[in-house]
N, C-alpha and C. Protein backbone atom coordinates (compact mmCIF):
# COMPACT_ATOMS: atom_id res chain seq x y z
N ALA A 1 49.33 33.28 16.90
CA ALA A 1 48.39 32.99 15.43
C ALA A 1 46.84 33.04 16.06
N ILE A 2 46.12 33.11 14.87
CA ILE A 2 44.53 33.40 15.31
C ILE A 2 43.61 32.39 14.71
N PRO A 3 43.02 31.73 15.98
CA PRO A 3 42.56 29.90 14.98
C PRO A 3 41.65 30.50 14.00
N GLN A 4 42.04 29.41 12.67
CA GLN A 4 40.93 29.32 11.74
C GLN A 4 39.32 28.61 12.15
N HIS A 5 38.33 28.78 11.52
CA HIS A 5 37.71 27.64 11.08
C HIS A 5 36.42 27.51 10.13
N CYS A 6 35.82 27.16 10.05
CA CYS A 6 35.00 27.08 8.56
C CYS A 6 33.33 26.22 9.08
N ASP A 7 32.60 26.22 8.63
CA ASP A 7 31.48 25.69 8.79
C ASP A 7 30.93 25.02 7.58
N ILE A 8 30.69 23.43 7.85
CA ILE A 8 30.33 22.62 6.80
C ILE A 8 28.98 22.17 6.82
N LEU A 9 28.47 22.19 5.48
CA LEU A 9 26.97 21.77 6.02
C LEU A 9 27.12 20.70 4.86
N LEU A 10 25.96 19.55 5.23
CA LEU A 10 26.26 18.14 4.54
C LEU A 10 24.52 17.73 4.93
N ASN A 11 23.95 17.54 3.42
CA ASN A 11 23.07 16.88 3.55
C ASN A 11 22.95 15.39 3.47
N VAL A 12 22.02 14.84 4.04
CA VAL A 12 22.34 13.20 4.00
C VAL A 12 21.11 12.86 3.28
N ILE A 13 21.80 11.98 2.14
CA ILE A 13 20.86 11.65 1.36
C ILE A 13 20.00 10.18 2.10
N ASP A 14 18.61 9.81 1.73
CA ASP A 14 17.76 8.92 2.35
C ASP A 14 18.24 7.24 1.20
N ALA A 15 18.41 6.84 2.07
CA ALA A 15 18.50 5.68 1.50
C ALA A 15 17.66 4.94 1.55
N ASN A 16 17.01 3.54 0.59
CA ASN A 16 15.92 2.77 0.49
C ASN A 16 16.34 1.70 1.42
N ASP A 17 15.74 2.19 3.02
CA ASP A 17 16.54 1.20 3.47
C ASP A 17 14.83 0.76 4.64
N ASN A 18 13.85 0.87 3.87
CA ASN A 18 12.75 0.98 4.88
C ASN A 18 11.62 0.21 3.80
N ALA A 19 11.36 -0.99 4.33
CA ALA A 19 9.92 -1.84 3.30
C ALA A 19 8.58 -0.84 4.17
N PRO A 20 7.74 -0.66 3.05
CA PRO A 20 6.17 -0.36 3.54
C PRO A 20 5.90 -0.84 4.73
N GLU A 21 4.90 -0.38 5.35
CA GLU A 21 4.48 -0.93 6.26
C GLU A 21 2.72 -1.08 6.33
N VAL A 22 1.96 -2.07 6.29
CA VAL A 22 0.67 -2.04 6.03
C VAL A 22 0.25 -2.61 7.00
N SER A 23 -0.76 -2.09 7.11
CA SER A 23 -2.03 -2.31 8.25
C SER A 23 -3.33 -1.95 7.88
N LEU A 24 -4.27 -3.18 7.72
CA LEU A 24 -5.52 -3.18 7.88
C LEU A 24 -6.58 -2.41 8.42
N THR A 25 -6.86 -1.06 8.07
CA THR A 25 -7.70 -0.61 9.13
C THR A 25 -8.91 -0.55 9.59
N SER A 26 -9.90 -1.03 8.19
CA SER A 26 -11.17 -1.16 7.73
C SER A 26 -11.48 -2.41 7.08
N MET A 27 -12.42 -2.98 7.89
CA MET A 27 -12.74 -4.30 6.58
C MET A 27 -14.18 -5.22 6.98
N SER A 28 -14.50 -5.13 6.12
CA SER A 28 -16.08 -6.24 6.13
C SER A 28 -15.63 -7.54 6.50
N SER A 29 -16.56 -8.26 7.42
CA SER A 29 -16.60 -9.70 7.57
C SER A 29 -16.87 -9.91 6.69
N ALA A 30 -18.12 -9.63 5.65
CA ALA A 30 -18.68 -10.34 4.66
C ALA A 30 -19.64 -9.38 3.82
N VAL A 31 -19.27 -9.66 2.82
CA VAL A 31 -19.50 -8.58 1.56
C VAL A 31 -21.03 -9.72 0.34
N ALA A 32 -22.13 -9.16 0.69
CA ALA A 32 -23.05 -9.49 -0.16
C ALA A 32 -22.79 -9.58 -1.61
N GLU A 33 -22.95 -11.21 -2.34
CA GLU A 33 -22.84 -11.10 -4.06
C GLU A 33 -23.68 -10.26 -4.66
N ASN A 34 -24.47 -9.49 -4.20
CA ASN A 34 -24.76 -8.17 -5.01
C ASN A 34 -24.52 -7.15 -4.93
N SER A 35 -23.80 -7.12 -4.21
CA SER A 35 -23.01 -5.74 -3.86
C SER A 35 -22.39 -5.10 -5.28
N PRO A 36 -23.20 -4.00 -5.42
CA PRO A 36 -22.64 -2.94 -6.42
C PRO A 36 -21.35 -2.78 -6.56
N ASN A 37 -20.26 -2.68 -8.00
CA ASN A 37 -19.14 -2.41 -8.28
C ASN A 37 -18.74 -1.23 -7.14
N GLY A 38 -17.59 -1.05 -6.94
CA GLY A 38 -17.58 -0.17 -6.09
C GLY A 38 -17.40 0.22 -4.69
N THR A 39 -17.94 -1.11 -4.00
CA THR A 39 -18.14 -1.39 -2.90
C THR A 39 -16.90 -1.75 -1.88
N ILE A 40 -16.74 -0.71 -0.92
CA ILE A 40 -15.70 -0.83 -0.09
C ILE A 40 -15.42 -1.99 1.18
N VAL A 41 -14.45 -3.25 0.60
CA VAL A 41 -13.94 -4.19 1.11
C VAL A 41 -13.91 -3.99 2.44
N ALA A 42 -12.53 -3.40 2.19
CA ALA A 42 -11.32 -2.68 3.32
C ALA A 42 -10.51 -1.71 2.85
N VAL A 43 -9.86 -0.87 3.93
CA VAL A 43 -9.39 -0.01 4.04
C VAL A 43 -7.65 -0.34 4.43
N ILE A 44 -7.24 0.04 3.83
CA ILE A 44 -5.86 -0.58 3.75
C ILE A 44 -4.93 0.67 3.85
N ARG A 45 -3.82 1.05 5.28
CA ARG A 45 -2.95 1.89 5.13
C ARG A 45 -1.16 1.56 5.24
N ALA A 46 -0.70 2.02 4.07
CA ALA A 46 0.34 1.48 3.39
C ALA A 46 1.46 2.96 4.00
N GLU A 47 2.43 3.06 4.53
CA GLU A 47 3.36 4.02 4.86
C GLU A 47 5.07 3.50 4.86
N ASP A 48 5.52 4.26 4.10
CA ASP A 48 7.13 4.11 4.11
C ASP A 48 8.13 5.25 4.71
N LYS A 49 8.99 4.90 5.82
CA LYS A 49 9.53 5.93 6.39
C LYS A 49 10.54 6.50 5.83
N ASP A 50 10.70 6.09 4.42
CA ASP A 50 12.07 7.06 3.97
C ASP A 50 11.05 7.84 3.18
N SER A 51 12.23 8.79 2.59
CA SER A 51 11.27 10.04 2.30
C SER A 51 11.84 10.02 0.59
N GLY A 52 11.20 11.32 0.18
CA GLY A 52 10.82 11.58 -1.74
C GLY A 52 10.67 9.81 -2.10
N GLN A 53 11.06 10.32 -3.20
CA GLN A 53 10.69 8.59 -4.06
C GLN A 53 10.74 6.98 -3.49
N ASN A 54 11.66 7.32 -2.57
CA ASN A 54 11.83 5.81 -1.88
C ASN A 54 10.61 5.68 -0.88
N GLY A 55 10.02 6.55 -0.33
CA GLY A 55 8.90 6.47 0.32
C GLY A 55 7.70 6.47 -0.15
N GLN A 56 7.33 6.60 -1.91
CA GLN A 56 6.18 6.49 -2.54
C GLN A 56 6.05 4.95 -2.56
N VAL A 57 4.43 4.78 -2.40
CA VAL A 57 3.95 3.16 -2.03
C VAL A 57 2.88 2.98 -3.06
N GLN A 58 3.03 1.79 -4.26
CA GLN A 58 1.85 1.37 -4.71
C GLN A 58 1.39 0.32 -3.77
N CYS A 59 0.29 -0.25 -3.83
CA CYS A 59 -0.56 -1.18 -3.55
C CYS A 59 -1.29 -2.27 -4.79
N GLN A 60 -1.30 -3.44 -4.62
CA GLN A 60 -1.83 -4.10 -5.54
C GLN A 60 -2.58 -5.63 -5.45
N ILE A 61 -3.37 -5.67 -5.75
CA ILE A 61 -3.60 -7.65 -5.54
C ILE A 61 -3.43 -8.47 -6.95
N PRO A 62 -3.59 -9.81 -7.04
CA PRO A 62 -3.51 -10.44 -7.80
C PRO A 62 -4.90 -10.18 -8.87
N ASN A 63 -4.54 -10.16 -10.24
CA ASN A 63 -5.27 -9.73 -11.27
C ASN A 63 -6.45 -10.62 -11.55
N ASN A 64 -6.78 -11.91 -10.92
CA ASN A 64 -7.47 -12.70 -11.15
C ASN A 64 -8.90 -12.82 -10.21
N LEU A 65 -8.94 -11.50 -9.34
CA LEU A 65 -9.96 -11.38 -8.56
C LEU A 65 -10.99 -10.49 -9.03
N PRO A 66 -12.42 -10.38 -8.44
CA PRO A 66 -13.51 -9.67 -8.92
C PRO A 66 -13.09 -8.52 -8.08
N PHE A 67 -11.57 -8.14 -7.62
CA PHE A 67 -11.68 -6.71 -6.85
C PHE A 67 -10.50 -5.85 -7.13
N LYS A 68 -10.77 -4.78 -6.79
CA LYS A 68 -9.70 -3.79 -7.30
C LYS A 68 -8.95 -2.82 -5.86
N MET A 69 -7.68 -2.63 -6.38
CA MET A 69 -7.17 -1.71 -5.39
C MET A 69 -7.35 -0.02 -5.70
N GLU A 70 -7.76 0.90 -4.72
CA GLU A 70 -7.70 2.32 -5.33
C GLU A 70 -7.06 3.36 -4.31
N SER A 71 -6.42 3.46 -4.72
CA SER A 71 -5.81 5.10 -3.47
C SER A 71 -6.43 5.98 -3.69
N SER A 72 -6.61 6.38 -2.11
CA SER A 72 -7.96 7.14 -1.28
C SER A 72 -7.33 8.41 -0.95
N THR A 73 -6.54 8.22 -0.08
CA THR A 73 -6.07 9.25 0.62
C THR A 73 -4.36 9.20 0.68
N GLU A 74 -3.74 10.15 1.26
CA GLU A 74 -2.31 9.96 1.29
C GLU A 74 -2.52 8.54 2.42
N ASN A 75 -1.38 7.54 1.79
CA ASN A 75 -1.08 6.55 2.22
C ASN A 75 -2.10 5.69 2.31
N ASN A 76 -3.63 5.47 2.10
CA ASN A 76 -4.55 4.88 2.17
C ASN A 76 -5.09 4.56 0.91
N TRP A 77 -5.50 3.08 0.48
CA TRP A 77 -5.79 2.24 -0.01
C TRP A 77 -7.56 1.66 0.30
N LYS A 78 -7.96 1.29 -0.59
CA LYS A 78 -9.23 0.88 -0.98
C LYS A 78 -9.03 -0.41 -1.18
N LEU A 79 -9.74 -1.47 -0.92
CA LEU A 79 -10.20 -2.80 -1.87
C LEU A 79 -11.76 -2.74 -1.83
N LEU A 80 -12.03 -2.69 -3.29
CA LEU A 80 -13.33 -2.39 -3.59
C LEU A 80 -13.89 -3.46 -4.78
N VAL A 81 -14.76 -3.67 -4.39
CA VAL A 81 -15.77 -4.54 -5.72
C VAL A 81 -15.46 -4.37 -7.20
N GLN A 82 -15.16 -5.17 -7.82
CA GLN A 82 -14.85 -4.26 -9.14
C GLN A 82 -15.78 -4.97 -10.49
N HIS A 83 -16.33 -6.06 -10.10
CA HIS A 83 -17.17 -6.90 -10.98
C HIS A 83 -17.78 -7.86 -10.03
N GLY A 84 -19.02 -8.39 -10.56
CA GLY A 84 -19.76 -9.26 -9.44
C GLY A 84 -19.34 -10.64 -8.99
N LEU A 85 -19.81 -10.69 -7.84
CA LEU A 85 -19.75 -11.51 -7.05
C LEU A 85 -20.54 -12.76 -6.82
N ASP A 86 -20.22 -14.15 -6.83
CA ASP A 86 -21.07 -15.34 -7.00
C ASP A 86 -20.83 -16.36 -6.21
N ARG A 87 -21.78 -16.40 -4.89
CA ARG A 87 -21.45 -17.34 -3.71
C ARG A 87 -21.15 -18.71 -4.30
N GLU A 88 -21.78 -19.30 -5.48
CA GLU A 88 -22.08 -20.21 -5.80
C GLU A 88 -20.80 -20.99 -6.63
N ILE A 89 -20.46 -19.93 -6.96
CA ILE A 89 -18.75 -20.32 -7.65
C ILE A 89 -17.94 -19.98 -6.53
N THR A 90 -17.50 -19.34 -5.80
CA THR A 90 -16.38 -18.86 -4.54
C THR A 90 -16.91 -18.25 -3.43
N SER A 91 -17.09 -18.87 -2.54
CA SER A 91 -17.92 -18.22 -1.40
C SER A 91 -17.04 -17.51 -0.58
N ARG A 92 -15.50 -17.58 -0.67
CA ARG A 92 -14.26 -17.00 0.13
C ARG A 92 -13.13 -17.05 -0.48
N TYR A 93 -12.82 -15.24 -0.30
CA TYR A 93 -11.49 -15.35 -0.84
C TYR A 93 -10.66 -14.41 -0.07
N ASP A 94 -9.34 -15.26 -0.31
CA ASP A 94 -8.05 -15.06 0.69
C ASP A 94 -7.12 -13.93 -0.20
N ILE A 95 -7.51 -12.96 0.00
CA ILE A 95 -6.49 -11.80 -0.85
C ILE A 95 -5.18 -11.09 -0.25
N SER A 96 -3.94 -11.19 -0.76
CA SER A 96 -3.18 -11.13 -0.18
C SER A 96 -2.74 -9.62 -1.19
N VAL A 97 -2.82 -8.76 -0.07
CA VAL A 97 -1.95 -7.39 -0.91
C VAL A 97 -0.93 -6.18 -1.29
N THR A 98 -0.06 -6.61 -2.06
CA THR A 98 1.54 -6.10 -2.35
C THR A 98 1.70 -4.71 -2.21
N CYS A 99 2.41 -3.95 -1.45
CA CYS A 99 2.50 -3.11 -1.33
C CYS A 99 4.13 -2.53 -1.77
N THR A 100 4.59 -1.67 -2.53
CA THR A 100 6.31 -2.12 -2.74
C THR A 100 6.34 -0.43 -2.84
N ASP A 101 7.49 -0.21 -2.56
CA ASP A 101 7.82 1.25 -2.81
C ASP A 101 8.35 1.55 -4.20
N ALA A 102 8.75 3.23 -4.14
CA ALA A 102 9.25 3.40 -5.87
C ALA A 102 10.97 3.50 -5.53
N GLY A 103 11.28 2.99 -4.39
CA GLY A 103 12.89 3.35 -4.40
C GLY A 103 13.64 2.37 -5.16
N GLU A 104 14.90 2.42 -4.98
CA GLU A 104 15.88 1.39 -6.26
C GLU A 104 16.90 1.21 -5.01
N PRO A 105 16.93 -0.34 -5.35
CA PRO A 105 15.74 -1.59 -5.38
C PRO A 105 14.47 -1.37 -4.57
N PRO A 106 13.82 -1.32 -5.55
CA PRO A 106 12.24 -1.12 -4.57
C PRO A 106 12.12 -2.52 -3.51
N LEU A 107 11.46 -2.26 -2.22
CA LEU A 107 11.31 -2.88 -1.40
C LEU A 107 9.74 -3.32 -1.20
N THR A 108 9.55 -4.30 -0.76
CA THR A 108 8.38 -4.74 -0.94
C THR A 108 7.56 -5.70 0.69
N SER A 109 6.22 -5.46 0.97
CA SER A 109 5.47 -5.88 1.99
C SER A 109 4.30 -6.37 1.83
N LYS A 110 3.90 -7.47 2.32
CA LYS A 110 2.47 -8.16 2.17
C LYS A 110 1.58 -8.30 2.95
N LYS A 111 0.20 -8.33 2.89
CA LYS A 111 -0.48 -8.62 3.78
C LYS A 111 -1.94 -9.05 3.40
N ASN A 112 -1.88 -10.29 4.16
CA ASN A 112 -3.47 -11.20 4.24
C ASN A 112 -4.28 -10.76 4.11
């Protein structure tokens, strides 16, 4: 008898099993209250080891702050002054950055 064989090609589909990894790559220790809108306060790197949609990350901060998050380059986000700062009203901010992937279910990481 002649042995028979066949090749099987199997694609493994990525599961959303990795939460984003968030790291602070650059930060200003102090920001002047007269800093113009758009001043960079920090640069955050958010990476997800998953592929495709599972690896796409969005970062955000609470809406009640005078700052905003903006995507700058792949996996990098900038924390920017969005509107005027007033040291006499608020002299210190403790900002939590939340990064969430686009997988199902979405996985989240937080950086203070």
